[in-house]
Each structure stands twice: as C-alpha cells, then as structure tokens.
Amino acid sequence: MLHETVCPTVAEEFHVHADKVRGQVIIVLGAEQERTVADGSTGVYTIYLNQWDETAFLMSDTRLAIQRIAVGDSWDRLIRHVVLRARLVSSADAVALRNDRKSAGVLPTQPDQSHSPRPIPPF
C-alpha cells in the first residue's frame, strides 16, 4: 500500500509516467545494517531495515523510485558520460603534474626557506 503511494508521487514530481518508477520491492526486516540494494539487471529492489519503520521505508522506497528513473534507458548513457569525464579530469591532472607541479597543488620536494616552520602543538 505504501509503495503504491510512493510511485505515483515520485512520477508526478519528476514528470514521468508512473510505470517508469513502479517495480518490485522486497523488504528484509532484522538486518544488522539498514540499506537499499538495486539490481538494475533484474529490476528487483531490496530495502533492508533493522525493524519496521514506516518513515525509513518511505524514504528508502522514494530513493529507489528516483533511481528507477535514472536506471531506465539513460543508465548506460549516464555511466558512459561519468567514465568519460573522470578520464578527462584524470588526464588533465596528469598533464598538469608533468607541466607545472605548483598549479596541480603538489608541494615542492624542498621546503621553502623563506618562511620558518611553525611548531606542531602537542595533542
């Protein structure tokens, strides 16, 4: 019943058809660690709770419903973009390290002698 409230509410908020956020949700009670697990390949989403807590369930189910929107057709495209951008950033950082160590935020290997070092206070 609660899940059937979450799906249309999320769909309305994100301006998508309710079928895009509907899917099977399994609730596991008695879990040591509360978490959610989404299996995009099977479409099965699991919510692990220590004990029944309506608010915790609603929050988790809402997160999973939002995740379903992203998982749809755009998931693979999104992952490709994230990987590409990460590679571009790491490549740019490597070039900056080779060209100008200071601009990359790397400390010099020799301390700057123009400033006297400050003592580190004891704990």
PDB file of N, CA and C in Angstrom:
ATOM      1  N   MET A   1       0.817  -1.190   0.000  1.00  0.00           N
ATOM      2  CA  MET A   1       0.000   0.000   0.000  1.00  0.00           C
ATOM      3  C   MET A   1       0.872   1.270   0.000  1.00  0.00           C
ATOM      4  N   LEU A   2       1.897   1.309   0.866  1.00  0.00           N
ATOM      5  CA  LEU A   2       2.771   2.483   0.908  1.00  0.00           C
ATOM      6  C   LEU A   2       3.544   2.636  -0.396  1.00  0.00           C
ATOM      7  N   HIS A   3       4.027   1.522  -0.920  1.00  0.00           N
ATOM      8  CA  HIS A   3       4.773   1.545  -2.183  1.00  0.00           C
ATOM      9  C   HIS A   3       3.901   2.093  -3.308  1.00  0.00           C
ATOM     10  N   GLU A   4       2.635   1.761  -3.283  1.00  0.00           N
ATOM     11  CA  GLU A   4       1.712   2.247  -4.312  1.00  0.00           C
ATOM     12  C   GLU A   4       1.425   3.740  -4.167  1.00  0.00           C
ATOM     13  N   THR A   5       1.788   4.319  -3.047  1.00  0.00           N
ATOM     14  CA  THR A   5       1.678   5.768  -2.862  1.00  0.00           C
ATOM     15  C   THR A   5       2.956   6.463  -3.332  1.00  0.00           C
ATOM     16  N   VAL A   6       4.090   5.827  -3.063  1.00  0.00           N
ATOM     17  CA  VAL A   6       5.384   6.419  -3.416  1.00  0.00           C
ATOM     18  C   VAL A   6       5.524   6.569  -4.929  1.00  0.00           C
ATOM     19  N   CYS A   7       5.226   5.514  -5.666  1.00  0.00           N
ATOM     20  CA  CYS A   7       5.476   5.511  -7.116  1.00  0.00           C
ATOM     21  C   CYS A   7       4.784   6.640  -7.869  1.00  0.00           C
ATOM     22  N   PRO A   8       3.454   6.802  -7.727  1.00  0.00           N
ATOM     23  CA  PRO A   8       2.826   7.893  -8.468  1.00  0.00           C
ATOM     24  C   PRO A   8       3.262   9.276  -7.987  1.00  0.00           C
ATOM     25  N   THR A   9       3.593   9.391  -6.717  1.00  0.00           N
ATOM     26  CA  THR A   9       4.043  10.682  -6.193  1.00  0.00           C
ATOM     27  C   THR A   9       5.375  11.074  -6.813  1.00  0.00           C
ATOM     28  N   VAL A  10       6.315  10.128  -6.859  1.00  0.00           N
ATOM     29  CA  VAL A  10       7.623  10.395  -7.476  1.00  0.00           C
ATOM     30  C   VAL A  10       7.449  10.659  -8.965  1.00  0.00           C
ATOM     31  N   ALA A  11       6.627   9.870  -9.625  1.00  0.00           N
ATOM     32  CA  ALA A  11       6.394  10.064 -11.059  1.00  0.00           C
ATOM     33  C   ALA A  11       5.841  11.455 -11.347  1.00  0.00           C
ATOM     34  N   GLU A  12       4.897  11.878 -10.535  1.00  0.00           N
ATOM     35  CA  GLU A  12       4.318  13.212 -10.717  1.00  0.00           C
ATOM     36  C   GLU A  12       5.378  14.293 -10.507  1.00  0.00           C
ATOM     37  N   GLU A  13       6.169  14.136  -9.474  1.00  0.00           N
ATOM     38  CA  GLU A  13       7.197  15.139  -9.164  1.00  0.00           C
ATOM     39  C   GLU A  13       8.231  15.263 -10.279  1.00  0.00           C
ATOM     40  N   PHE A  14       8.585  14.133 -10.907  1.00  0.00           N
ATOM     41  CA  PHE A  14       9.610  14.143 -11.950  1.00  0.00           C
ATOM     42  C   PHE A  14       9.017  14.161 -13.361  1.00  0.00           C
ATOM     43  N   HIS A  15       7.713  14.312 -13.443  1.00  0.00           N
ATOM     44  CA  HIS A  15       7.019  14.431 -14.733  1.00  0.00           C
ATOM     45  C   HIS A  15       7.296  13.239 -15.650  1.00  0.00           C
ATOM     46  N   VAL A  16       7.175  12.036 -15.079  1.00  0.00           N
ATOM     47  CA  VAL A  16       7.312  10.813 -15.870  1.00  0.00           C
ATOM     48  C   VAL A  16       6.078   9.952 -15.621  1.00  0.00           C
ATOM     49  N   HIS A  17       5.869   8.980 -16.480  1.00  0.00           N
ATOM     50  CA  HIS A  17       4.742   8.063 -16.320  1.00  0.00           C
ATOM     51  C   HIS A  17       4.994   7.179 -15.098  1.00  0.00           C
ATOM     52  N   ALA A  18       3.956   6.889 -14.353  1.00  0.00           N
ATOM     53  CA  ALA A  18       4.077   6.103 -13.113  1.00  0.00           C
ATOM     54  C   ALA A  18       4.694   4.732 -13.354  1.00  0.00           C
ATOM     55  N   ASP A  19       4.484   4.149 -14.526  1.00  0.00           N
ATOM     56  CA  ASP A  19       5.062   2.837 -14.826  1.00  0.00           C
ATOM     57  C   ASP A  19       6.593   2.865 -14.830  1.00  0.00           C
ATOM     58  N   LYS A  20       7.161   4.028 -15.064  1.00  0.00           N
ATOM     59  CA  LYS A  20       8.625   4.156 -15.100  1.00  0.00           C
ATOM     60  C   LYS A  20       9.241   4.002 -13.714  1.00  0.00           C
ATOM     61  N   VAL A  21       8.478   4.250 -12.658  1.00  0.00           N
ATOM     62  CA  VAL A  21       9.019   4.138 -11.297  1.00  0.00           C
ATOM     63  C   VAL A  21       8.490   2.926 -10.541  1.00  0.00           C
ATOM     64  N   ARG A  22       7.495   2.260 -11.113  1.00  0.00           N
ATOM     65  CA  ARG A  22       6.951   1.070 -10.442  1.00  0.00           C
ATOM     66  C   ARG A  22       7.894  -0.100 -10.626  1.00  0.00           C
ATOM     67  N   GLY A  23       7.920  -0.956  -9.621  1.00  0.00           N
ATOM     68  CA  GLY A  23       8.728  -2.159  -9.706  1.00  0.00           C
ATOM     69  C   GLY A  23       8.652  -2.917  -8.400  1.00  0.00           C
ATOM     70  N   GLN A  24       9.177  -4.105  -8.420  1.00  0.00           N
ATOM     71  CA  GLN A  24       9.148  -4.956  -7.244  1.00  0.00           C
ATOM     72  C   GLN A  24      10.092  -4.423  -6.170  1.00  0.00           C
ATOM     73  N   VAL A  25       9.593  -4.406  -4.938  1.00  0.00           N
ATOM     74  CA  VAL A  25      10.405  -4.024  -3.780  1.00  0.00           C
ATOM     75  C   VAL A  25      10.292  -5.145  -2.752  1.00  0.00           C
ATOM     76  N   ILE A  26      11.445  -5.605  -2.304  1.00  0.00           N
ATOM     77  CA  ILE A  26      11.490  -6.629  -1.265  1.00  0.00           C
ATOM     78  C   ILE A  26      11.953  -5.951   0.021  1.00  0.00           C
ATOM     79  N   ILE A  27      11.245  -6.219   1.109  1.00  0.00           N
ATOM     80  CA  ILE A  27      11.616  -5.662   2.412  1.00  0.00           C
ATOM     81  C   ILE A  27      12.195  -6.793   3.257  1.00  0.00           C
ATOM     82  N   VAL A  28      13.388  -6.565   3.789  1.00  0.00           N
ATOM     83  CA  VAL A  28      14.028  -7.534   4.674  1.00  0.00           C
ATOM     84  C   VAL A  28      14.116  -6.896   6.053  1.00  0.00           C
ATOM     85  N   LEU A  29      13.424  -7.470   7.009  1.00  0.00           N
ATOM     86  CA  LEU A  29      13.455  -6.965   8.385  1.00  0.00           C
ATOM     87  C   LEU A  29      14.456  -7.777   9.203  1.00  0.00           C
ATOM     88  N   GLY A  30      15.062  -7.125  10.190  1.00  0.00           N
ATOM     89  CA  GLY A  30      16.043  -7.791  11.044  1.00  0.00           C
ATOM     90  C   GLY A  30      17.462  -7.658  10.530  1.00  0.00           C
ATOM     91  N   ALA A  31      17.674  -6.778   9.563  1.00  0.00           N
ATOM     92  CA  ALA A  31      19.015  -6.581   9.010  1.00  0.00           C
ATOM     93  C   ALA A  31      19.890  -5.842  10.011  1.00  0.00           C
ATOM     94  N   GLU A  32      21.144  -6.245  10.099  1.00  0.00           N
ATOM     95  CA  GLU A  32      22.075  -5.560  11.000  1.00  0.00           C
ATOM     96  C   GLU A  32      22.344  -4.136  10.523  1.00  0.00           C
ATOM     97  N   GLN A  33      22.466  -3.973   9.225  1.00  0.00           N
ATOM     98  CA  GLN A  33      22.751  -2.658   8.651  1.00  0.00           C
ATOM     99  C   GLN A  33      21.612  -2.271   7.720  1.00  0.00           C
ATOM    100  N   GLU A  34      20.999  -1.120   7.968  1.00  0.00           N
ATOM    101  CA  GLU A  34      19.925  -0.654   7.098  1.00  0.00           C
ATOM    102  C   GLU A  34      20.531  -0.112   5.810  1.00  0.00           C
ATOM    103  N   ARG A  35      19.937  -0.527   4.682  1.00  0.00           N
ATOM    104  CA  ARG A  35      20.460  -0.114   3.378  1.00  0.00           C
ATOM    105  C   ARG A  35      19.434  -0.441   2.301  1.00  0.00           C
ATOM    106  N   THR A  36      19.721   0.010   1.099  1.00  0.00           N
ATOM    107  CA  THR A  36      18.915  -0.353  -0.052  1.00  0.00           C
ATOM    108  C   THR A  36      19.844  -0.946  -1.099  1.00  0.00           C
ATOM    109  N   VAL A  37      19.334  -1.899  -1.850  1.00  0.00           N
ATOM    110  CA  VAL A  37      20.111  -2.533  -2.914  1.00  0.00           C
ATOM    111  C   VAL A  37      19.236  -2.542  -4.162  1.00  0.00           C
ATOM    112  N   ALA A  38      19.794  -2.067  -5.252  1.00  0.00           N
ATOM    113  CA  ALA A  38      19.068  -2.023  -6.522  1.00  0.00           C
ATOM    114  C   ALA A  38      19.780  -2.908  -7.527  1.00  0.00           C
ATOM    115  N   ASP A  39      19.084  -3.875  -8.051  1.00  0.00           N
ATOM    116  CA  ASP A  39      19.625  -4.729  -9.104  1.00  0.00           C
ATOM    117  C   ASP A  39      18.985  -4.291 -10.407  1.00  0.00           C
ATOM    118  N   GLY A  40      19.690  -3.433 -11.119  1.00  0.00           N
ATOM    119  CA  GLY A  40      19.154  -2.879 -12.356  1.00  0.00           C
ATOM    120  C   GLY A  40      18.916  -3.923 -13.434  1.00  0.00           C
ATOM    121  N   SER A  41      19.677  -5.020 -13.402  1.00  0.00           N
ATOM    122  CA  SER A  41      19.513  -6.031 -14.447  1.00  0.00           C
ATOM    123  C   SER A  41      18.215  -6.829 -14.277  1.00  0.00           C
ATOM    124  N   THR A  42      17.797  -7.054 -13.026  1.00  0.00           N
ATOM    125  CA  THR A  42      16.557  -7.808 -12.789  1.00  0.00           C
ATOM    126  C   THR A  42      15.386  -6.896 -12.451  1.00  0.00           C
ATOM    127  N   GLY A  43      15.689  -5.660 -12.073  1.00  0.00           N
ATOM    128  CA  GLY A  43      14.628  -4.743 -11.674  1.00  0.00           C
ATOM    129  C   GLY A  43      14.121  -4.986 -10.263  1.00  0.00           C
ATOM    130  N   VAL A  44      14.841  -5.806  -9.503  1.00  0.00           N
ATOM    131  CA  VAL A  44      14.447  -6.096  -8.122  1.00  0.00           C
ATOM    132  C   VAL A  44      15.198  -5.147  -7.189  1.00  0.00           C
ATOM    133  N   TYR A  45      14.448  -4.487  -6.337  1.00  0.00           N
ATOM    134  CA  TYR A  45      14.998  -3.531  -5.394  1.00  0.00           C
ATOM    135  C   TYR A  45      14.686  -4.031  -3.985  1.00  0.00           C
ATOM    136  N   THR A  46      15.692  -4.001  -3.114  1.00  0.00           N
ATOM    137  CA  THR A  46      15.537  -4.545  -1.766  1.00  0.00           C
ATOM    138  C   THR A  46      15.836  -3.473  -0.740  1.00  0.00           C
ATOM    139  N   ILE A  47      14.979  -3.388   0.262  1.00  0.00           N
ATOM    140  CA  ILE A  47      15.163  -2.461   1.381  1.00  0.00           C
ATOM    141  C   ILE A  47      15.415  -3.302   2.626  1.00  0.00           C
ATOM    142  N   TYR A  48      16.558  -3.087   3.249  1.00  0.00           N
ATOM    143  CA  TYR A  48      16.923  -3.798   4.474  1.00  0.00           C
ATOM    144  C   TYR A  48      16.715  -2.863   5.660  1.00  0.00           C
ATOM    145  N   LEU A  49      15.898  -3.284   6.621  1.00  0.00           N
ATOM    146  CA  LEU A  49      15.619  -2.495   7.823  1.00  0.00           C
ATOM    147  C   LEU A  49      15.888  -3.337   9.068  1.00  0.00           C
ATOM    148  N   ASN A  50      16.336  -2.675  10.149  1.00  0.00           N
ATOM    149  CA  ASN A  50      16.513  -3.379  11.425  1.00  0.00           C
ATOM    150  C   ASN A  50      15.162  -3.893  11.908  1.00  0.00           C
ATOM    151  N   GLN A  51      14.193  -3.001  11.878  1.00  0.00           N
ATOM    152  CA  GLN A  51      12.826  -3.324  12.286  1.00  0.00           C
ATOM    153  C   GLN A  51      11.895  -2.453  11.443  1.00  0.00           C
ATOM    154  N   TRP A  52      10.600  -2.764  11.483  1.00  0.00           N
ATOM    155  CA  TRP A  52       9.687  -1.985  10.671  1.00  0.00           C
ATOM    156  C   TRP A  52       9.664  -0.544  11.144  1.00  0.00           C
ATOM    157  N   ASP A  53       9.875   0.362  10.211  1.00  0.00           N
ATOM    158  CA  ASP A  53       9.844   1.797  10.464  1.00  0.00           C
ATOM    159  C   ASP A  53       9.263   2.431   9.206  1.00  0.00           C
ATOM    160  N   GLU A  54       8.043   2.914   9.319  1.00  0.00           N
ATOM    161  CA  GLU A  54       7.338   3.430   8.153  1.00  0.00           C
ATOM    162  C   GLU A  54       8.097   4.566   7.474  1.00  0.00           C
ATOM    163  N   THR A  55       8.635   5.482   8.268  1.00  0.00           N
ATOM    164  CA  THR A  55       9.361   6.619   7.693  1.00  0.00           C
ATOM    165  C   THR A  55      10.611   6.156   6.962  1.00  0.00           C
ATOM    166  N   ALA A  56      11.367   5.249   7.582  1.00  0.00           N
ATOM    167  CA  ALA A  56      12.579   4.722   6.934  1.00  0.00           C
ATOM    168  C   ALA A  56      12.220   4.004   5.636  1.00  0.00           C
ATOM    169  N   PHE A  57      11.127   3.244   5.651  1.00  0.00           N
ATOM    170  CA  PHE A  57      10.694   2.562   4.434  1.00  0.00           C
ATOM    171  C   PHE A  57      10.346   3.575   3.343  1.00  0.00           C
ATOM    172  N   LEU A  58       9.557   4.584   3.693  1.00  0.00           N
ATOM    173  CA  LEU A  58       9.143   5.576   2.698  1.00  0.00           C
ATOM    174  C   LEU A  58      10.338   6.318   2.108  1.00  0.00           C
ATOM    175  N   MET A  59      11.282   6.677   2.942  1.00  0.00           N
ATOM    176  CA  MET A  59      12.485   7.366   2.450  1.00  0.00           C
ATOM    177  C   MET A  59      13.276   6.456   1.513  1.00  0.00           C
ATOM    178  N   SER A  60      13.466   5.196   1.902  1.00  0.00           N
ATOM    179  CA  SER A  60      14.213   4.251   1.064  1.00  0.00           C
ATOM    180  C   SER A  60      13.482   3.974  -0.237  1.00  0.00           C
ATOM    181  N   ASP A  61      12.181   3.765  -0.158  1.00  0.00           N
ATOM    182  CA  ASP A  61      11.400   3.472  -1.356  1.00  0.00           C
ATOM    183  C   ASP A  61      11.396   4.673  -2.308  1.00  0.00           C
ATOM    184  N   THR A  62      11.355   5.858  -1.760  1.00  0.00           N
ATOM    185  CA  THR A  62      11.412   7.067  -2.592  1.00  0.00           C
ATOM    186  C   THR A  62      12.750   7.148  -3.313  1.00  0.00           C
ATOM    187  N   ARG A  63      13.851   6.892  -2.599  1.00  0.00           N
ATOM    188  CA  ARG A  63      15.174   6.894  -3.240  1.00  0.00           C
ATOM    189  C   ARG A  63      15.231   5.874  -4.369  1.00  0.00           C
ATOM    190  N   LEU A  64      14.696   4.683  -4.111  1.00  0.00           N
ATOM    191  CA  LEU A  64      14.716   3.642  -5.144  1.00  0.00           C
ATOM    192  C   LEU A  64      13.843   4.021  -6.337  1.00  0.00           C
ATOM    193  N   ALA A  65      12.714   4.648  -6.083  1.00  0.00           N
ATOM    194  CA  ALA A  65      11.845   5.082  -7.179  1.00  0.00           C
ATOM    195  C   ALA A  65      12.554   6.122  -8.048  1.00  0.00           C
ATOM    196  N   ILE A  66      13.257   7.029  -7.416  1.00  0.00           N
ATOM    197  CA  ILE A  66      14.028   8.038  -8.169  1.00  0.00           C
ATOM    198  C   ILE A  66      15.140   7.349  -8.950  1.00  0.00           C
ATOM    199  N   GLN A  67      15.769   6.357  -8.333  1.00  0.00           N
ATOM    200  CA  GLN A  67      16.837   5.628  -9.014  1.00  0.00           C
ATOM    201  C   GLN A  67      16.297   4.894 -10.238  1.00  0.00           C
ATOM    202  N   ARG A  68      15.087   4.381 -10.152  1.00  0.00           N
ATOM    203  CA  ARG A  68      14.484   3.700 -11.307  1.00  0.00           C
ATOM    204  C   ARG A  68      14.373   4.632 -12.508  1.00  0.00           C
ATOM    205  N   ILE A  69      14.100   5.896 -12.248  1.00  0.00           N
ATOM    206  CA  ILE A  69      14.005   6.863 -13.345  1.00  0.00           C
ATOM    207  C   ILE A  69      15.341   6.943 -14.077  1.00  0.00           C
ATOM    208  N   ALA A  70      16.429   7.003 -13.325  1.00  0.00           N
ATOM    209  CA  ALA A  70      17.763   7.087 -13.926  1.00  0.00           C
ATOM    210  C   ALA A  70      18.193   5.763 -14.542  1.00  0.00           C
ATOM    211  N   VAL A  71      17.748   4.658 -13.959  1.00  0.00           N
ATOM    212  CA  VAL A  71      18.186   3.351 -14.424  1.00  0.00           C
ATOM    213  C   VAL A  71      17.596   3.009 -15.778  1.00  0.00           C
ATOM    214  N   GLY A  72      16.471   3.554 -16.087  1.00  0.00           N
ATOM    215  CA  GLY A  72      15.827   3.239 -17.359  1.00  0.00           C
ATOM    216  C   GLY A  72      16.786   3.255 -18.527  1.00  0.00           C
ATOM    217  N   ASP A  73      16.386   3.780 -19.620  1.00  0.00           N
ATOM    218  CA  ASP A  73      17.187   3.798 -20.840  1.00  0.00           C
ATOM    219  C   ASP A  73      18.446   4.645 -20.695  1.00  0.00           C
ATOM    220  N   SER A  74      18.435   5.592 -19.800  1.00  0.00           N
ATOM    221  CA  SER A  74      19.548   6.532 -19.726  1.00  0.00           C
ATOM    222  C   SER A  74      20.702   6.050 -18.847  1.00  0.00           C
ATOM    223  N   TRP A  75      20.541   4.929 -18.135  1.00  0.00           N
ATOM    224  CA  TRP A  75      21.577   4.486 -17.198  1.00  0.00           C
ATOM    225  C   TRP A  75      22.909   4.237 -17.894  1.00  0.00           C
ATOM    226  N   ASP A  76      22.926   3.455 -18.961  1.00  0.00           N
ATOM    227  CA  ASP A  76      24.177   3.163 -19.665  1.00  0.00           C
ATOM    228  C   ASP A  76      24.809   4.447 -20.203  1.00  0.00           C
ATOM    229  N   ARG A  77      23.986   5.313 -20.762  1.00  0.00           N
ATOM    230  CA  ARG A  77      24.494   6.596 -21.280  1.00  0.00           C
ATOM    231  C   ARG A  77      25.095   7.420 -20.159  1.00  0.00           C
ATOM    232  N   LEU A  78      24.430   7.460 -19.014  1.00  0.00           N
ATOM    233  CA  LEU A  78      24.921   8.209 -17.861  1.00  0.00           C
ATOM    234  C   LEU A  78      26.266   7.673 -17.391  1.00  0.00           C
ATOM    235  N   ILE A  79      26.393   6.357 -17.289  1.00  0.00           N
ATOM    236  CA  ILE A  79      27.645   5.746 -16.853  1.00  0.00           C
ATOM    237  C   ILE A  79      28.771   6.063 -17.841  1.00  0.00           C
ATOM    238  N   ARG A  80      28.474   5.986 -19.138  1.00  0.00           N
ATOM    239  CA  ARG A  80      29.499   6.321 -20.138  1.00  0.00           C
ATOM    240  C   ARG A  80      29.977   7.759 -19.974  1.00  0.00           C
ATOM    241  N   HIS A  81      29.047   8.686 -19.728  1.00  0.00           N
ATOM    242  CA  HIS A  81      29.430  10.085 -19.537  1.00  0.00           C
ATOM    243  C   HIS A  81      30.278  10.266 -18.277  1.00  0.00           C
ATOM    244  N   VAL A  82      29.910   9.606 -17.207  1.00  0.00           N
ATOM    245  CA  VAL A  82      30.670   9.716 -15.951  1.00  0.00           C
ATOM    246  C   VAL A  82      32.086   9.190 -16.153  1.00  0.00           C
ATOM    247  N   VAL A  83      32.219   8.028 -16.784  1.00  0.00           N
ATOM    248  CA  VAL A  83      33.544   7.447 -17.021  1.00  0.00           C
ATOM    249  C   VAL A  83      34.365   8.351 -17.923  1.00  0.00           C
ATOM    250  N   LEU A  84      33.773   8.864 -18.979  1.00  0.00           N
ATOM    251  CA  LEU A  84      34.486   9.750 -19.899  1.00  0.00           C
ATOM    252  C   LEU A  84      34.976  11.001 -19.172  1.00  0.00           C
ATOM    253  N   ARG A  85      34.099  11.628 -18.397  1.00  0.00           N
ATOM    254  CA  ARG A  85      34.509  12.839 -17.674  1.00  0.00           C
ATOM    255  C   ARG A  85      35.595  12.554 -16.646  1.00  0.00           C
ATOM    256  N   ALA A  86      35.480  11.428 -15.968  1.00  0.00           N
ATOM    257  CA  ALA A  86      36.510  11.064 -14.992  1.00  0.00           C
ATOM    258  C   ALA A  86      37.852  10.869 -15.677  1.00  0.00           C
ATOM    259  N   ARG A  87      37.845  10.238 -16.834  1.00  0.00           N
ATOM    260  CA  ARG A  87      39.101  10.051 -17.586  1.00  0.00           C
ATOM    261  C   ARG A  87      39.667  11.384 -18.055  1.00  0.00           C
ATOM    262  N   LEU A  88      38.807  12.280 -18.503  1.00  0.00           N
ATOM    263  CA  LEU A  88      39.281  13.592 -18.945  1.00  0.00           C
ATOM    264  C   LEU A  88      39.895  14.365 -17.793  1.00  0.00           C
ATOM    265  N   VAL A  89      39.243  14.320 -16.634  1.00  0.00           N
ATOM    266  CA  VAL A  89      39.766  15.031 -15.467  1.00  0.00           C
ATOM    267  C   VAL A  89      41.098  14.436 -15.036  1.00  0.00           C
ATOM    268  N   SER A  90      41.177  13.104 -14.964  1.00  0.00           N
ATOM    269  CA  SER A  90      42.424  12.479 -14.528  1.00  0.00           C
ATOM    270  C   SER A  90      43.526  12.709 -15.547  1.00  0.00           C
ATOM    271  N   SER A  91      43.195  12.742 -16.848  1.00  0.00           N
ATOM    272  CA  SER A  91      44.194  13.044 -17.869  1.00  0.00           C
ATOM    273  C   SER A  91      44.692  14.474 -17.726  1.00  0.00           C
ATOM    274  N   ALA A  92      43.780  15.403 -17.479  1.00  0.00           N
ATOM    275  CA  ALA A  92      44.167  16.803 -17.301  1.00  0.00           C
ATOM    276  C   ALA A  92      45.043  16.959 -16.072  1.00  0.00           C
ATOM    277  N   ASP A  93      44.725  16.255 -14.992  1.00  0.00           N
ATOM    278  CA  ASP A  93      45.556  16.315 -13.788  1.00  0.00           C
ATOM    279  C   ASP A  93      46.949  15.773 -14.060  1.00  0.00           C
ATOM    280  N   ALA A  94      47.059  14.694 -14.824  1.00  0.00           N
ATOM    281  CA  ALA A  94      48.368  14.114 -15.129  1.00  0.00           C
ATOM    282  C   ALA A  94      49.199  15.077 -15.955  1.00  0.00           C
ATOM    283  N   VAL A  95      48.579  15.749 -16.941  1.00  0.00           N
ATOM    284  CA  VAL A  95      49.298  16.728 -17.754  1.00  0.00           C
ATOM    285  C   VAL A  95      49.761  17.883 -16.875  1.00  0.00           C
ATOM    286  N   ALA A  96      48.896  18.354 -15.993  1.00  0.00           N
ATOM    287  CA  ALA A  96      49.263  19.460 -15.102  1.00  0.00           C
ATOM    288  C   ALA A  96      50.413  19.058 -14.193  1.00  0.00           C
ATOM    289  N   LEU A  97      50.420  17.836 -13.728  1.00  0.00           N
ATOM    290  CA  LEU A  97      51.514  17.368 -12.876  1.00  0.00           C
ATOM    291  C   LEU A  97      52.830  17.362 -13.642  1.00  0.00           C
ATOM    292  N   ARG A  98      52.779  16.953 -14.886  1.00  0.00           N
ATOM    293  CA  ARG A  98      54.006  16.928 -15.678  1.00  0.00           C
ATOM    294  C   ARG A  98      54.492  18.337 -16.013  1.00  0.00           C
ATOM    295  N   ASN A  99      53.564  19.251 -16.301  1.00  0.00           N
ATOM    296  CA  ASN A  99      53.929  20.584 -16.785  1.00  0.00           C
ATOM    297  C   ASN A  99      54.221  21.584 -15.674  1.00  0.00           C
ATOM    298  N   ASP A 100      53.425  21.574 -14.641  1.00  0.00           N
ATOM    299  CA  ASP A 100      53.572  22.600 -13.618  1.00  0.00           C
ATOM    300  C   ASP A 100      53.112  22.037 -12.284  1.00  0.00           C
ATOM    301  N   ARG A 101      54.022  21.592 -11.483  1.00  0.00           N
ATOM    302  CA  ARG A 101      53.685  20.927 -10.230  1.00  0.00           C
ATOM    303  C   ARG A 101      52.921  21.855  -9.291  1.00  0.00           C
ATOM    304  N   LYS A 102      53.235  23.136  -9.269  1.00  0.00           N
ATOM    305  CA  LYS A 102      52.554  24.061  -8.356  1.00  0.00           C
ATOM    306  C   LYS A 102      51.088  24.237  -8.744  1.00  0.00           C
ATOM    307  N   SER A 103      50.785  24.332 -10.029  1.00  0.00           N
ATOM    308  CA  SER A 103      49.393  24.546 -10.444  1.00  0.00           C
ATOM    309  C   SER A 103      48.539  23.312 -10.169  1.00  0.00           C
ATOM    310  N   ALA A 104      49.178  22.168 -10.034  1.00  0.00           N
ATOM    311  CA  ALA A 104      48.430  20.944  -9.747  1.00  0.00           C
ATOM    312  C   ALA A 104      48.247  20.736  -8.251  1.00  0.00           C
ATOM    313  N   GLY A 105      48.789  21.647  -7.437  1.00  0.00           N
ATOM    314  CA  GLY A 105      48.622  21.520  -5.996  1.00  0.00           C
ATOM    315  C   GLY A 105      49.608  20.565  -5.353  1.00  0.00           C
ATOM    316  N   VAL A 106      50.739  20.297  -6.023  1.00  0.00           N
ATOM    317  CA  VAL A 106      51.750  19.399  -5.471  1.00  0.00           C
ATOM    318  C   VAL A 106      52.760  20.225  -4.701  1.00  0.00           C
ATOM    319  N   LEU A 107      53.050  19.799  -3.499  1.00  0.00           N
ATOM    320  CA  LEU A 107      54.034  20.505  -2.692  1.00  0.00           C
ATOM    321  C   LEU A 107      55.434  20.271  -3.250  1.00  0.00           C
ATOM    322  N   PRO A 108      56.304  21.269  -3.171  1.00  0.00           N
ATOM    323  CA  PRO A 108      57.669  21.084  -3.656  1.00  0.00           C
ATOM    324  C   PRO A 108      58.403  20.067  -2.789  1.00  0.00           C
ATOM    325  N   THR A 109      59.397  19.425  -3.398  1.00  0.00           N
ATOM    326  CA  THR A 109      60.147  18.416  -2.649  1.00  0.00           C
ATOM    327  C   THR A 109      61.074  19.066  -1.629  1.00  0.00           C
ATOM    328  N   GLN A 110      61.533  20.288  -1.880  1.00  0.00           N
ATOM    329  CA  GLN A 110      62.372  21.019  -0.938  1.00  0.00           C
ATOM    330  C   GLN A 110      61.516  22.079  -0.243  1.00  0.00           C
ATOM    331  N   PRO A 111      61.596  22.176   1.092  1.00  0.00           N
ATOM    332  CA  PRO A 111      60.787  23.193   1.773  1.00  0.00           C
ATOM    333  C   PRO A 111      61.218  24.597   1.394  1.00  0.00           C
ATOM    334  N   ASP A 112      60.262  25.493   1.388  1.00  0.00           N
ATOM    335  CA  ASP A 112      60.513  26.904   1.100  1.00  0.00           C
ATOM    336  C   ASP A 112      61.262  27.500   2.286  1.00  0.00           C
ATOM    337  N   GLN A 113      62.485  28.005   2.052  1.00  0.00           N
ATOM    338  CA  GLN A 113      63.330  28.526   3.127  1.00  0.00           C
ATOM    339  C   GLN A 113      62.965  29.950   3.528  1.00  0.00           C
ATOM    340  N   SER A 114      62.062  30.601   2.794  1.00  0.00           N
ATOM    341  CA  SER A 114      61.711  31.987   3.100  1.00  0.00           C
ATOM    342  C   SER A 114      60.817  32.098   4.333  1.00  0.00           C
ATOM    343  N   HIS A 115      60.187  31.019   4.736  1.00  0.00           N
ATOM    344  CA  HIS A 115      59.325  31.028   5.908  1.00  0.00           C
ATOM    345  C   HIS A 115      59.855  30.021   6.917  1.00  0.00           C
ATOM    346  N   SER A 116      59.906  30.442   8.175  1.00  0.00           N
ATOM    347  CA  SER A 116      60.347  29.466   9.182  1.00  0.00           C
ATOM    348  C   SER A 116      59.199  28.542   9.507  1.00  0.00           C
ATOM    349  N   PRO A 117      59.449  27.262   9.720  1.00  0.00           N
ATOM    350  CA  PRO A 117      58.381  26.318  10.013  1.00  0.00           C
ATOM    351  C   PRO A 117      57.756  26.579  11.349  1.00  0.00           C
ATOM    352  N   ARG A 118      56.440  26.378  11.436  1.00  0.00           N
ATOM    353  CA  ARG A 118      55.718  26.526  12.698  1.00  0.00           C
ATOM    354  C   ARG A 118      55.752  25.213  13.448  1.00  0.00           C
ATOM    355  N   PRO A 119      56.009  25.273  14.762  1.00  0.00           N
ATOM    356  CA  PRO A 119      55.994  24.009  15.506  1.00  0.00           C
ATOM    357  C   PRO A 119      54.586  23.442  15.576  1.00  0.00           C
ATOM    358  N   ILE A 120      54.484  22.141  15.611  1.00  0.00           N
ATOM    359  CA  ILE A 120      53.194  21.456  15.716  1.00  0.00           C
ATOM    360  C   ILE A 120      52.882  21.312  17.196  1.00  0.00           C
ATOM    361  N   PRO A 121      51.722  21.817  17.647  1.00  0.00           N
ATOM    362  CA  PRO A 121      51.381  21.724  19.064  1.00  0.00           C
ATOM    363  C   PRO A 121      51.142  20.270  19.482  1.00  0.00           C
ATOM    364  N   PRO A 122      51.481  19.923  20.736  1.00  0.00           N
ATOM    365  CA  PRO A 122      51.242  18.551  21.203  1.00  0.00           C
ATOM    366  C   PRO A 122      49.744  18.305  21.354  1.00  0.00           C
ATOM    367  N   PHE A 123      49.351  17.028  21.337  1.00  0.00           N
ATOM    368  CA  PHE A 123      47.943  16.659  21.480  1.00  0.00           C
ATOM    369  C   PHE A 123      47.492  16.816  22.892  1.00  0.00           C
TER     370      PHE A 123
END
